N, C-alpha and C. Protein backbone atom coordinates (compact mmCIF):
# COMPACT_ATOMS: atom_id res chain seq x y z
N MET A 1 -6.11 -21.82 -7.13
CA MET A 1 -5.28 -20.98 -6.30
C MET A 1 -5.39 -21.48 -4.87
N ASN A 2 -4.25 -21.53 -4.19
CA ASN A 2 -4.23 -21.90 -2.78
C ASN A 2 -4.49 -20.67 -1.92
N VAL A 3 -5.25 -20.85 -0.87
CA VAL A 3 -5.57 -19.75 0.04
C VAL A 3 -4.90 -20.03 1.38
N VAL A 4 -4.26 -19.02 1.94
CA VAL A 4 -3.61 -19.16 3.23
C VAL A 4 -4.06 -18.04 4.16
N THR A 5 -3.90 -18.25 5.45
CA THR A 5 -4.21 -17.21 6.42
C THR A 5 -3.06 -16.20 6.45
N ALA A 6 -3.30 -15.08 7.11
CA ALA A 6 -2.24 -14.08 7.25
C ALA A 6 -1.05 -14.67 7.99
N GLU A 7 -1.30 -15.43 9.02
CA GLU A 7 -0.22 -16.05 9.79
C GLU A 7 0.58 -17.03 8.93
N GLU A 8 -0.12 -17.82 8.12
CA GLU A 8 0.58 -18.76 7.23
C GLU A 8 1.43 -18.01 6.20
N MET A 9 0.93 -16.88 5.70
CA MET A 9 1.70 -16.10 4.73
C MET A 9 2.93 -15.48 5.40
N ARG A 10 2.79 -15.02 6.64
CA ARG A 10 3.95 -14.49 7.37
C ARG A 10 5.01 -15.59 7.55
N GLU A 11 4.55 -16.80 7.83
CA GLU A 11 5.47 -17.92 7.99
C GLU A 11 6.16 -18.25 6.67
N ILE A 12 5.43 -18.20 5.57
CA ILE A 12 6.03 -18.43 4.25
C ILE A 12 7.09 -17.36 3.97
N ASP A 13 6.77 -16.11 4.27
CA ASP A 13 7.76 -15.03 4.10
C ASP A 13 8.99 -15.29 4.96
N ARG A 14 8.78 -15.69 6.21
CA ARG A 14 9.89 -15.95 7.13
C ARG A 14 10.78 -17.06 6.59
N ILE A 15 10.17 -18.14 6.11
CA ILE A 15 10.93 -19.26 5.56
C ILE A 15 11.68 -18.83 4.30
N THR A 16 11.03 -18.05 3.46
CA THR A 16 11.67 -17.55 2.23
C THR A 16 12.91 -16.73 2.58
N ILE A 17 12.78 -15.88 3.57
CA ILE A 17 13.90 -15.03 3.99
C ILE A 17 15.00 -15.88 4.61
N LYS A 18 14.63 -16.79 5.52
CA LYS A 18 15.62 -17.58 6.25
C LYS A 18 16.27 -18.66 5.39
N ASN A 19 15.48 -19.44 4.69
CA ASN A 19 16.00 -20.61 3.98
C ASN A 19 16.53 -20.32 2.59
N TYR A 20 16.01 -19.28 1.95
CA TYR A 20 16.41 -19.00 0.57
C TYR A 20 17.23 -17.72 0.43
N GLY A 21 17.42 -17.01 1.53
CA GLY A 21 18.25 -15.82 1.50
C GLY A 21 17.67 -14.66 0.73
N ILE A 22 16.36 -14.68 0.52
CA ILE A 22 15.68 -13.56 -0.15
C ILE A 22 15.20 -12.61 0.94
N SER A 23 15.72 -11.41 0.95
CA SER A 23 15.41 -10.48 2.04
C SER A 23 13.98 -9.94 1.96
N GLY A 24 13.52 -9.43 3.09
CA GLY A 24 12.21 -8.78 3.12
C GLY A 24 12.16 -7.60 2.17
N THR A 25 13.28 -6.91 2.02
CA THR A 25 13.34 -5.78 1.11
C THR A 25 13.13 -6.23 -0.33
N VAL A 26 13.73 -7.36 -0.70
CA VAL A 26 13.55 -7.88 -2.06
C VAL A 26 12.10 -8.29 -2.28
N LEU A 27 11.49 -8.94 -1.29
CA LEU A 27 10.07 -9.30 -1.41
C LEU A 27 9.22 -8.05 -1.61
N MET A 28 9.54 -6.99 -0.86
CA MET A 28 8.81 -5.73 -0.97
C MET A 28 9.00 -5.11 -2.35
N GLU A 29 10.22 -5.14 -2.86
CA GLU A 29 10.50 -4.61 -4.20
C GLU A 29 9.68 -5.35 -5.25
N ARG A 30 9.64 -6.67 -5.14
CA ARG A 30 8.89 -7.47 -6.12
C ARG A 30 7.39 -7.16 -6.06
N ALA A 31 6.86 -7.06 -4.84
CA ALA A 31 5.43 -6.77 -4.69
C ALA A 31 5.10 -5.39 -5.25
N GLY A 32 5.89 -4.39 -4.88
CA GLY A 32 5.64 -3.03 -5.35
C GLY A 32 5.75 -2.90 -6.86
N LEU A 33 6.74 -3.58 -7.44
CA LEU A 33 6.89 -3.55 -8.90
C LEU A 33 5.69 -4.19 -9.58
N ALA A 34 5.21 -5.30 -9.03
CA ALA A 34 4.04 -5.98 -9.62
C ALA A 34 2.81 -5.07 -9.62
N VAL A 35 2.61 -4.33 -8.54
CA VAL A 35 1.47 -3.42 -8.46
C VAL A 35 1.66 -2.27 -9.46
N ALA A 36 2.86 -1.70 -9.51
CA ALA A 36 3.12 -0.60 -10.45
C ALA A 36 2.90 -1.04 -11.89
N GLU A 37 3.35 -2.24 -12.22
CA GLU A 37 3.14 -2.75 -13.58
C GLU A 37 1.66 -2.94 -13.89
N LYS A 38 0.89 -3.39 -12.92
CA LYS A 38 -0.56 -3.55 -13.13
C LYS A 38 -1.21 -2.18 -13.33
N ILE A 39 -0.80 -1.18 -12.57
CA ILE A 39 -1.33 0.17 -12.74
C ILE A 39 -1.03 0.67 -14.15
N ARG A 40 0.19 0.46 -14.59
CA ARG A 40 0.59 0.91 -15.94
C ARG A 40 -0.21 0.18 -17.02
N GLU A 41 -0.57 -1.06 -16.74
CA GLU A 41 -1.38 -1.84 -17.68
C GLU A 41 -2.83 -1.34 -17.72
N LEU A 42 -3.37 -0.94 -16.58
CA LEU A 42 -4.78 -0.57 -16.47
C LEU A 42 -5.08 0.89 -16.82
N TYR A 43 -4.12 1.79 -16.59
CA TYR A 43 -4.39 3.22 -16.69
C TYR A 43 -3.37 3.94 -17.56
N GLU A 44 -3.84 5.01 -18.19
CA GLU A 44 -2.94 5.95 -18.85
C GLU A 44 -2.20 6.71 -17.76
N ARG A 45 -1.07 7.28 -18.12
CA ARG A 45 -0.29 8.07 -17.16
C ARG A 45 -1.17 9.19 -16.60
N ARG A 46 -1.15 9.33 -15.28
CA ARG A 46 -1.99 10.32 -14.61
C ARG A 46 -1.42 10.62 -13.23
N LYS A 47 -2.05 11.55 -12.54
CA LYS A 47 -1.69 11.88 -11.17
C LYS A 47 -2.03 10.69 -10.26
N VAL A 48 -1.11 10.37 -9.34
CA VAL A 48 -1.31 9.26 -8.42
C VAL A 48 -1.00 9.73 -7.01
N ILE A 49 -1.87 9.38 -6.07
CA ILE A 49 -1.58 9.58 -4.65
C ILE A 49 -1.52 8.21 -4.00
N VAL A 50 -0.40 7.95 -3.34
CA VAL A 50 -0.21 6.69 -2.63
C VAL A 50 -0.39 6.97 -1.15
N LEU A 51 -1.40 6.35 -0.55
CA LEU A 51 -1.66 6.50 0.88
C LEU A 51 -1.04 5.30 1.58
N SER A 52 0.02 5.56 2.34
CA SER A 52 0.79 4.48 2.95
C SER A 52 0.74 4.54 4.46
N GLY A 53 0.54 3.37 5.05
CA GLY A 53 0.71 3.22 6.49
C GLY A 53 2.18 3.02 6.78
N GLY A 54 2.50 2.78 8.04
CA GLY A 54 3.89 2.65 8.44
C GLY A 54 4.43 1.24 8.45
N GLY A 55 3.61 0.26 8.07
CA GLY A 55 4.05 -1.13 8.07
C GLY A 55 4.57 -1.56 6.71
N ASN A 56 4.68 -2.86 6.54
CA ASN A 56 5.24 -3.37 5.28
C ASN A 56 4.32 -3.15 4.09
N ASN A 57 3.00 -3.10 4.31
CA ASN A 57 2.10 -2.76 3.21
C ASN A 57 2.37 -1.34 2.74
N GLY A 58 2.62 -0.45 3.69
CA GLY A 58 3.00 0.91 3.34
C GLY A 58 4.30 0.96 2.56
N GLY A 59 5.25 0.09 2.94
CA GLY A 59 6.50 -0.01 2.19
C GLY A 59 6.27 -0.46 0.77
N ASP A 60 5.36 -1.44 0.59
CA ASP A 60 4.99 -1.86 -0.76
C ASP A 60 4.48 -0.67 -1.56
N GLY A 61 3.63 0.14 -0.93
CA GLY A 61 3.07 1.31 -1.60
C GLY A 61 4.14 2.32 -2.01
N ILE A 62 5.14 2.48 -1.15
CA ILE A 62 6.24 3.40 -1.48
C ILE A 62 7.00 2.89 -2.70
N VAL A 63 7.20 1.57 -2.78
CA VAL A 63 7.87 0.99 -3.96
C VAL A 63 7.02 1.23 -5.21
N VAL A 64 5.71 1.08 -5.09
CA VAL A 64 4.81 1.38 -6.22
C VAL A 64 5.05 2.81 -6.69
N ALA A 65 5.04 3.74 -5.74
CA ALA A 65 5.21 5.16 -6.07
C ALA A 65 6.56 5.42 -6.74
N ARG A 66 7.61 4.84 -6.19
CA ARG A 66 8.94 5.07 -6.75
C ARG A 66 9.03 4.56 -8.19
N ASN A 67 8.47 3.39 -8.46
CA ASN A 67 8.50 2.86 -9.82
C ASN A 67 7.71 3.74 -10.77
N LEU A 68 6.50 4.14 -10.37
CA LEU A 68 5.70 5.01 -11.23
C LEU A 68 6.42 6.33 -11.49
N HIS A 69 7.03 6.89 -10.45
CA HIS A 69 7.80 8.13 -10.58
C HIS A 69 8.92 7.96 -11.60
N GLU A 70 9.63 6.83 -11.51
CA GLU A 70 10.74 6.58 -12.44
C GLU A 70 10.24 6.42 -13.87
N TRP A 71 8.98 6.04 -14.04
CA TRP A 71 8.39 5.90 -15.37
C TRP A 71 7.74 7.20 -15.84
N GLY A 72 7.90 8.28 -15.08
CA GLY A 72 7.42 9.58 -15.51
C GLY A 72 6.03 9.97 -15.04
N TRP A 73 5.46 9.20 -14.12
CA TRP A 73 4.13 9.52 -13.60
C TRP A 73 4.25 10.60 -12.53
N ASN A 74 3.19 11.39 -12.36
CA ASN A 74 3.10 12.42 -11.32
C ASN A 74 2.60 11.75 -10.04
N VAL A 75 3.51 11.49 -9.10
CA VAL A 75 3.19 10.70 -7.92
C VAL A 75 3.48 11.47 -6.65
N LYS A 76 2.60 11.32 -5.67
CA LYS A 76 2.83 11.85 -4.33
C LYS A 76 2.50 10.75 -3.32
N ILE A 77 3.37 10.60 -2.33
CA ILE A 77 3.12 9.67 -1.24
C ILE A 77 2.67 10.46 -0.03
N THR A 78 1.57 10.04 0.57
CA THR A 78 1.16 10.58 1.86
C THR A 78 1.32 9.45 2.87
N LEU A 79 2.30 9.63 3.76
CA LEU A 79 2.54 8.65 4.82
C LEU A 79 1.69 9.02 6.02
N LEU A 80 0.83 8.10 6.41
CA LEU A 80 -0.13 8.35 7.48
C LEU A 80 0.43 7.96 8.84
N SER A 81 1.72 7.75 8.91
CA SER A 81 2.41 7.37 10.13
C SER A 81 3.64 8.26 10.27
N GLY A 82 4.05 8.54 11.48
CA GLY A 82 5.26 9.33 11.68
C GLY A 82 6.49 8.56 11.27
N GLU A 83 7.54 9.27 10.87
CA GLU A 83 8.77 8.61 10.43
C GLU A 83 9.32 7.67 11.50
N ASN A 84 9.17 8.04 12.76
CA ASN A 84 9.68 7.20 13.86
C ASN A 84 8.83 5.96 14.10
N LYS A 85 7.72 5.81 13.39
CA LYS A 85 6.84 4.65 13.57
C LYS A 85 6.86 3.71 12.36
N LEU A 86 7.74 3.97 11.39
CA LEU A 86 7.81 3.13 10.20
C LEU A 86 8.54 1.83 10.53
N SER A 87 8.06 0.72 9.95
CA SER A 87 8.78 -0.55 10.10
C SER A 87 10.15 -0.40 9.44
N PRO A 88 11.13 -1.23 9.81
CA PRO A 88 12.47 -1.08 9.21
C PRO A 88 12.46 -1.11 7.68
N ASP A 89 11.74 -2.04 7.08
CA ASP A 89 11.70 -2.11 5.61
C ASP A 89 10.97 -0.91 5.02
N CYS A 90 9.91 -0.46 5.67
CA CYS A 90 9.18 0.72 5.19
C CYS A 90 10.07 1.96 5.28
N LEU A 91 10.83 2.07 6.36
CA LEU A 91 11.75 3.20 6.52
C LEU A 91 12.80 3.20 5.41
N LEU A 92 13.34 2.04 5.10
CA LEU A 92 14.31 1.93 4.01
C LEU A 92 13.70 2.38 2.69
N GLN A 93 12.47 1.95 2.41
CA GLN A 93 11.80 2.34 1.16
C GLN A 93 11.52 3.85 1.14
N TYR A 94 11.15 4.41 2.29
CA TYR A 94 10.92 5.85 2.39
C TYR A 94 12.20 6.61 2.01
N LYS A 95 13.31 6.20 2.60
CA LYS A 95 14.59 6.88 2.32
C LYS A 95 14.98 6.73 0.85
N THR A 96 14.75 5.56 0.28
CA THR A 96 15.08 5.32 -1.13
C THR A 96 14.21 6.20 -2.04
N ALA A 97 12.92 6.27 -1.75
CA ALA A 97 12.01 7.09 -2.56
C ALA A 97 12.36 8.57 -2.44
N LYS A 98 12.71 8.98 -1.24
CA LYS A 98 13.09 10.38 -1.03
C LYS A 98 14.32 10.73 -1.87
N LYS A 99 15.32 9.84 -1.87
CA LYS A 99 16.52 10.07 -2.68
C LYS A 99 16.21 10.08 -4.17
N ALA A 100 15.19 9.32 -4.56
CA ALA A 100 14.79 9.25 -5.98
C ALA A 100 13.98 10.47 -6.41
N GLY A 101 13.64 11.34 -5.46
CA GLY A 101 12.91 12.56 -5.79
C GLY A 101 11.40 12.44 -5.78
N VAL A 102 10.87 11.37 -5.20
CA VAL A 102 9.42 11.21 -5.10
C VAL A 102 8.89 12.21 -4.07
N ALA A 103 7.79 12.88 -4.38
CA ALA A 103 7.16 13.81 -3.43
C ALA A 103 6.55 13.00 -2.28
N ILE A 104 6.97 13.32 -1.05
CA ILE A 104 6.51 12.58 0.13
C ILE A 104 6.15 13.57 1.22
N GLU A 105 5.04 13.28 1.89
CA GLU A 105 4.66 14.10 3.04
C GLU A 105 4.11 13.19 4.13
N PHE A 106 4.32 13.61 5.37
CA PHE A 106 3.75 12.92 6.52
C PHE A 106 2.56 13.73 7.01
N ARG A 107 1.39 13.13 7.01
CA ARG A 107 0.22 13.77 7.60
C ARG A 107 -0.87 12.74 7.81
N ASP A 108 -1.83 13.09 8.66
CA ASP A 108 -2.87 12.12 9.02
C ASP A 108 -4.24 12.51 8.47
N TYR A 109 -4.24 13.18 7.32
CA TYR A 109 -5.50 13.56 6.68
C TYR A 109 -5.26 13.70 5.17
N ILE A 110 -6.35 13.73 4.41
CA ILE A 110 -6.29 14.02 2.98
C ILE A 110 -7.37 15.05 2.67
N THR A 111 -7.25 15.69 1.52
CA THR A 111 -8.20 16.73 1.13
C THR A 111 -8.79 16.41 -0.24
N ASP A 112 -9.83 17.16 -0.60
CA ASP A 112 -10.41 17.03 -1.94
C ASP A 112 -9.35 17.24 -3.01
N LYS A 113 -8.48 18.22 -2.79
CA LYS A 113 -7.44 18.54 -3.76
C LYS A 113 -6.50 17.35 -3.97
N ASP A 114 -6.20 16.61 -2.89
CA ASP A 114 -5.33 15.43 -3.01
C ASP A 114 -5.91 14.41 -3.98
N LEU A 115 -7.21 14.20 -3.89
CA LEU A 115 -7.86 13.15 -4.66
C LEU A 115 -8.34 13.60 -6.03
N GLN A 116 -8.39 14.91 -6.26
CA GLN A 116 -8.92 15.44 -7.51
C GLN A 116 -8.15 14.90 -8.71
N SER A 117 -8.86 14.21 -9.58
CA SER A 117 -8.30 13.63 -10.81
C SER A 117 -7.14 12.67 -10.55
N ALA A 118 -7.09 12.09 -9.36
CA ALA A 118 -5.98 11.20 -9.01
C ALA A 118 -6.42 9.75 -8.95
N LEU A 119 -5.48 8.89 -9.25
CA LEU A 119 -5.62 7.47 -8.97
C LEU A 119 -5.10 7.28 -7.55
N VAL A 120 -5.87 6.60 -6.71
CA VAL A 120 -5.49 6.37 -5.32
C VAL A 120 -4.93 4.96 -5.17
N VAL A 121 -3.74 4.86 -4.59
CA VAL A 121 -3.18 3.56 -4.24
C VAL A 121 -3.32 3.41 -2.73
N ASP A 122 -4.09 2.41 -2.33
CA ASP A 122 -4.35 2.12 -0.91
C ASP A 122 -3.29 1.15 -0.41
N ALA A 123 -2.35 1.67 0.36
CA ALA A 123 -1.31 0.85 1.00
C ALA A 123 -1.28 1.18 2.49
N ILE A 124 -2.47 1.39 3.06
CA ILE A 124 -2.57 1.80 4.46
C ILE A 124 -2.36 0.60 5.37
N PHE A 125 -3.17 -0.43 5.20
CA PHE A 125 -3.04 -1.66 5.98
C PHE A 125 -3.02 -2.84 5.02
N GLY A 126 -2.31 -3.88 5.40
CA GLY A 126 -2.28 -5.10 4.60
C GLY A 126 -2.85 -6.26 5.35
N THR A 127 -2.25 -7.41 5.15
CA THR A 127 -2.76 -8.64 5.77
C THR A 127 -2.51 -8.69 7.26
N GLY A 128 -1.67 -7.82 7.78
CA GLY A 128 -1.37 -7.82 9.21
C GLY A 128 -2.36 -7.05 10.05
N LEU A 129 -3.41 -6.51 9.44
CA LEU A 129 -4.39 -5.72 10.19
C LEU A 129 -5.00 -6.55 11.32
N SER A 130 -4.92 -6.02 12.54
CA SER A 130 -5.42 -6.77 13.69
C SER A 130 -6.29 -5.91 14.61
N LYS A 131 -6.80 -4.81 14.08
CA LYS A 131 -7.62 -3.92 14.91
C LYS A 131 -8.76 -3.36 14.09
N ASN A 132 -9.75 -2.85 14.78
CA ASN A 132 -10.84 -2.16 14.09
C ASN A 132 -10.35 -0.79 13.62
N ILE A 133 -10.79 -0.41 12.44
CA ILE A 133 -10.44 0.90 11.90
C ILE A 133 -11.37 1.93 12.51
N SER A 134 -10.78 2.98 13.08
CA SER A 134 -11.58 4.04 13.69
C SER A 134 -10.80 5.35 13.60
N GLY A 135 -11.39 6.41 14.12
CA GLY A 135 -10.72 7.70 14.20
C GLY A 135 -10.35 8.27 12.84
N LYS A 136 -9.17 8.90 12.78
CA LYS A 136 -8.74 9.59 11.56
C LYS A 136 -8.58 8.64 10.38
N THR A 137 -8.13 7.41 10.65
CA THR A 137 -7.97 6.46 9.55
C THR A 137 -9.33 6.11 8.95
N ALA A 138 -10.33 5.92 9.79
CA ALA A 138 -11.69 5.64 9.29
C ALA A 138 -12.20 6.83 8.48
N GLU A 139 -11.89 8.04 8.93
CA GLU A 139 -12.30 9.24 8.19
C GLU A 139 -11.62 9.28 6.81
N ILE A 140 -10.34 8.94 6.76
CA ILE A 140 -9.62 8.93 5.48
C ILE A 140 -10.24 7.91 4.54
N ILE A 141 -10.54 6.72 5.06
CA ILE A 141 -11.14 5.68 4.22
C ILE A 141 -12.52 6.12 3.73
N SER A 142 -13.32 6.73 4.59
CA SER A 142 -14.63 7.25 4.17
C SER A 142 -14.47 8.29 3.08
N PHE A 143 -13.48 9.14 3.21
CA PHE A 143 -13.20 10.18 2.24
C PHE A 143 -12.82 9.57 0.89
N ILE A 144 -11.98 8.54 0.93
CA ILE A 144 -11.60 7.83 -0.31
C ILE A 144 -12.85 7.26 -0.97
N ASN A 145 -13.67 6.58 -0.16
CA ASN A 145 -14.87 5.92 -0.70
C ASN A 145 -15.87 6.91 -1.27
N ALA A 146 -15.91 8.12 -0.74
CA ALA A 146 -16.85 9.14 -1.22
C ALA A 146 -16.35 9.85 -2.48
N SER A 147 -15.09 9.66 -2.81
CA SER A 147 -14.52 10.36 -3.97
C SER A 147 -14.85 9.60 -5.26
N ASP A 148 -14.63 10.27 -6.37
CA ASP A 148 -14.80 9.65 -7.69
C ASP A 148 -13.50 9.01 -8.18
N SER A 149 -12.47 9.06 -7.36
CA SER A 149 -11.16 8.56 -7.78
C SER A 149 -11.13 7.05 -7.87
N PRO A 150 -10.49 6.51 -8.92
CA PRO A 150 -10.29 5.06 -8.96
C PRO A 150 -9.29 4.67 -7.87
N VAL A 151 -9.47 3.48 -7.32
CA VAL A 151 -8.65 3.03 -6.19
C VAL A 151 -8.09 1.64 -6.48
N ILE A 152 -6.80 1.49 -6.26
CA ILE A 152 -6.15 0.18 -6.32
C ILE A 152 -5.58 -0.10 -4.94
N SER A 153 -5.95 -1.24 -4.37
CA SER A 153 -5.43 -1.64 -3.07
C SER A 153 -4.27 -2.61 -3.25
N VAL A 154 -3.29 -2.47 -2.36
CA VAL A 154 -2.13 -3.36 -2.35
C VAL A 154 -2.40 -4.49 -1.37
N ASP A 155 -2.41 -5.70 -1.86
CA ASP A 155 -2.59 -6.93 -1.08
C ASP A 155 -4.04 -7.20 -0.70
N ILE A 156 -4.69 -6.24 -0.05
CA ILE A 156 -6.08 -6.38 0.37
C ILE A 156 -6.60 -4.97 0.65
N PRO A 157 -7.86 -4.67 0.38
CA PRO A 157 -8.35 -3.33 0.73
C PRO A 157 -8.21 -3.08 2.24
N SER A 158 -7.67 -1.93 2.59
CA SER A 158 -7.49 -1.59 4.00
C SER A 158 -8.83 -1.63 4.72
N GLY A 159 -8.83 -2.30 5.88
CA GLY A 159 -10.04 -2.41 6.68
C GLY A 159 -10.74 -3.75 6.55
N ILE A 160 -10.21 -4.65 5.73
CA ILE A 160 -10.79 -5.98 5.60
C ILE A 160 -9.84 -6.99 6.24
N SER A 161 -10.37 -7.86 7.08
CA SER A 161 -9.56 -8.91 7.69
C SER A 161 -9.18 -9.93 6.62
N SER A 162 -7.89 -10.19 6.50
CA SER A 162 -7.44 -11.16 5.49
C SER A 162 -7.80 -12.59 5.86
N ASP A 163 -8.07 -12.84 7.12
CA ASP A 163 -8.44 -14.19 7.55
C ASP A 163 -9.92 -14.48 7.42
N THR A 164 -10.77 -13.46 7.69
CA THR A 164 -12.21 -13.70 7.72
C THR A 164 -12.97 -13.01 6.59
N GLY A 165 -12.38 -12.00 5.98
CA GLY A 165 -13.08 -11.21 4.97
C GLY A 165 -14.03 -10.19 5.57
N GLN A 166 -14.06 -10.11 6.89
CA GLN A 166 -14.95 -9.18 7.57
C GLN A 166 -14.38 -7.76 7.53
N ILE A 167 -15.27 -6.79 7.45
CA ILE A 167 -14.88 -5.38 7.52
C ILE A 167 -14.64 -5.04 8.99
N THR A 168 -13.51 -4.40 9.25
CA THR A 168 -13.11 -4.09 10.62
C THR A 168 -13.33 -2.60 10.92
N GLY A 169 -14.57 -2.19 10.90
CA GLY A 169 -14.92 -0.80 11.18
C GLY A 169 -15.25 -0.03 9.91
N GLU A 170 -14.25 0.21 9.08
CA GLU A 170 -14.41 0.92 7.81
C GLU A 170 -13.43 0.27 6.84
N ALA A 171 -13.82 0.13 5.58
CA ALA A 171 -12.94 -0.52 4.60
C ALA A 171 -12.95 0.22 3.28
N VAL A 172 -11.80 0.24 2.64
CA VAL A 172 -11.66 0.84 1.31
C VAL A 172 -12.45 0.01 0.30
N ARG A 173 -13.20 0.71 -0.55
CA ARG A 173 -13.90 0.06 -1.67
C ARG A 173 -13.01 0.23 -2.91
N ALA A 174 -12.18 -0.76 -3.14
CA ALA A 174 -11.20 -0.69 -4.23
C ALA A 174 -11.83 -1.09 -5.55
N ASP A 175 -11.39 -0.43 -6.62
CA ASP A 175 -11.77 -0.85 -7.96
C ASP A 175 -10.98 -2.08 -8.37
N TYR A 176 -9.74 -2.14 -7.94
CA TYR A 176 -8.87 -3.29 -8.18
C TYR A 176 -8.05 -3.55 -6.93
N THR A 177 -7.71 -4.81 -6.73
CA THR A 177 -6.79 -5.20 -5.67
C THR A 177 -5.74 -6.10 -6.29
N VAL A 178 -4.49 -5.76 -6.07
CA VAL A 178 -3.39 -6.60 -6.53
C VAL A 178 -2.89 -7.34 -5.30
N THR A 179 -3.02 -8.65 -5.33
CA THR A 179 -2.66 -9.45 -4.17
C THR A 179 -1.66 -10.52 -4.57
N PHE A 180 -1.08 -11.14 -3.58
CA PHE A 180 -0.01 -12.10 -3.81
C PHE A 180 -0.31 -13.34 -3.00
N GLY A 181 0.09 -14.48 -3.51
CA GLY A 181 -0.20 -15.70 -2.79
C GLY A 181 0.58 -16.87 -3.34
N LEU A 182 0.14 -18.03 -2.95
CA LEU A 182 0.78 -19.26 -3.41
C LEU A 182 0.39 -19.55 -4.85
N PRO A 183 1.32 -20.14 -5.61
CA PRO A 183 0.96 -20.50 -6.99
C PRO A 183 -0.01 -21.67 -7.03
């Protein structure tokens, strides 16, 4: 397997979009579908909470939720970013999921009830993470890690630098990570 930095992967995405006419939305759809299919392969149908940030990783998570919802799973998305702070592709996925009837809420915390008997999909931060995790986000990650819930991270566990592998304050301890890269 070839390994690339976050910047190199962004450049590959840019070239794919520009030179091959594959939109960022299509890339997001493919990524989200791949994660949803892996979840369906690993787990029986169950309650799922998707914790999404406002960037493209969050958009991937919304696609995961929408696919699982369409397959009859009990899914809820908790968006940890305000609607006005969503990236354009994430906003499009939010609107699509909302029209599809997926349960969605905007809030900056989670509770025991949210995680009770749930599979957690970590789509908070992806490879674009460039800051230390602190404050409410660090509290959410600590809460996830303290729960008995199984966790699947999209692309990389939130809180880990994709370039160095270093933990940036607090990091999700995922049971599985579905990531994408060069063939």
